[in-house]
Structures are given as structure tokens and as C-alpha cells.
Protein backbone atom coordinates (compact mmCIF):
# COMPACT_ATOMS: atom_id res chain seq x y z
CA UNK A 1 -7.82 8.16 16.71
CA UNK A 2 -8.26 8.86 12.99
CA UNK A 3 -7.40 6.32 10.31
CA UNK A 4 -5.54 7.48 7.18
CA UNK A 5 -7.24 7.02 3.81
CA UNK A 6 -6.18 3.64 2.43
CA UNK A 7 -6.90 0.87 -0.08
CA UNK A 8 -6.94 -2.90 0.61
CA UNK A 9 -5.93 -5.51 -1.96
CA UNK A 10 -6.52 -9.28 -2.20
CA UNK A 11 -4.57 -11.14 -4.88
CA UNK A 12 -4.59 -14.62 -6.37
CA UNK A 13 -3.96 -16.41 -9.63
CA UNK A 14 -1.13 -17.67 -11.83
CA UNK A 15 -0.33 -20.40 -9.32
CA UNK A 16 -0.34 -18.12 -6.28
CA UNK A 17 -2.77 -18.70 -3.40
CA UNK A 18 -5.21 -16.08 -2.14
CA UNK A 19 -3.21 -13.46 -0.30
CA UNK A 20 -3.49 -9.94 0.95
CA UNK A 21 -1.17 -6.99 0.53
CA UNK A 22 -0.48 -4.36 3.15
CA UNK A 23 -2.87 -1.44 2.74
CA UNK A 24 -1.83 1.38 0.41
CA UNK A 25 -1.77 4.76 2.16
CA UNK A 26 -1.05 8.23 0.80
CA UNK A 27 1.74 10.66 1.59
CA UNK A 28 0.46 13.93 3.03
CA UNK A 29 -2.65 12.40 4.63
CA UNK A 30 -3.27 14.38 7.81
CA UNK A 31 -3.96 11.19 9.76
CA UNK A 32 -0.57 9.60 9.09
CA UNK A 33 1.26 9.78 12.41
CA UNK A 34 4.96 10.73 12.61
CA UNK A 35 5.80 7.09 13.44
CA UNK A 36 4.12 5.63 10.34
CA UNK A 37 6.65 6.84 7.71
CA UNK A 38 9.55 5.70 9.90
CA UNK A 39 8.06 2.23 10.25
CA UNK A 40 7.10 2.17 6.57
CA UNK A 41 10.68 2.94 5.48
CA UNK A 42 11.69 -0.53 6.76
CA UNK A 43 9.75 -2.03 3.82
CA UNK A 44 12.21 -0.47 1.35
CA UNK A 45 10.91 -0.65 -2.22
CA UNK A 46 7.65 -2.16 -0.92
CA UNK A 47 6.66 0.89 1.12
CA UNK A 48 2.94 1.32 1.67
CA UNK A 49 2.81 5.12 1.96
CA UNK A 50 2.99 6.53 -1.56
CA UNK A 51 3.01 10.00 -3.12
CA UNK A 52 0.06 10.89 -5.32
CA UNK A 53 0.63 12.87 -8.51
CA UNK A 54 -2.02 14.45 -10.65
CA UNK A 55 -2.09 13.45 -14.29
CA UNK A 56 -3.02 15.66 -17.22
CA UNK A 57 -6.49 14.10 -17.04
CA UNK A 58 -6.91 15.41 -13.48
CA UNK A 59 -6.86 11.92 -11.89
CA UNK A 60 -4.50 11.12 -9.02
CA UNK A 61 -1.92 8.37 -9.60
CA UNK A 62 0.76 6.54 -7.64
CA UNK A 63 3.14 3.63 -8.16
CA UNK A 64 2.93 0.77 -5.68
CA UNK A 65 5.10 -2.36 -5.66
CA UNK A 66 3.65 -5.57 -4.30
CA UNK A 67 5.23 -8.89 -3.36
CA UNK A 68 3.48 -12.20 -4.04
CA UNK A 69 4.20 -15.06 -1.67
CA UNK A 70 4.00 -18.78 -2.41
CA UNK A 71 2.02 -19.42 0.78
CA UNK A 72 -1.13 -17.67 1.94
CA UNK A 73 -1.62 -15.74 5.19
CA UNK A 74 -5.30 -16.74 5.07
CA UNK A 75 -6.40 -19.75 7.07
């Protein structure tokens, strides 16, 4: 099994406890299975599979919405 390219995030601050966000994955990755986009669609505006676009500077960009929670998933 191959794992799609992805990025992990840990967030904290401004009164929020340490938390983690679902990994960011990229549309078009050859290792994204057919089931992943279907499951990801359930997250609505907080989808974790995002389209990359190339900027004029040649860098790849995407928009990614995150949700902060008032309680941590960390123990």
C-alpha cells in the first residue's frame, strides 16, 4: 500500500489547547484511492484533499480550512 503525499499540523494558542488537524492531502496524487475523495466529501468545507495551483512565482498553493476545538484530542 502506498501513502499519498500529505502534511500534518499541530495547533495551539489564543486560548485553544494543543490539537491536531487531519492531514492535508493533494488532489491528483496517484496514491489517493477511489474511496478517499468520497469519504473526504463528508467533511464539507473542511475537506482534507485539496487542489494545488501554481502561482506566477512557480510555487504550488492551496487553500485549506481548519477547525479549532475547545478540547484537545491529545491525552
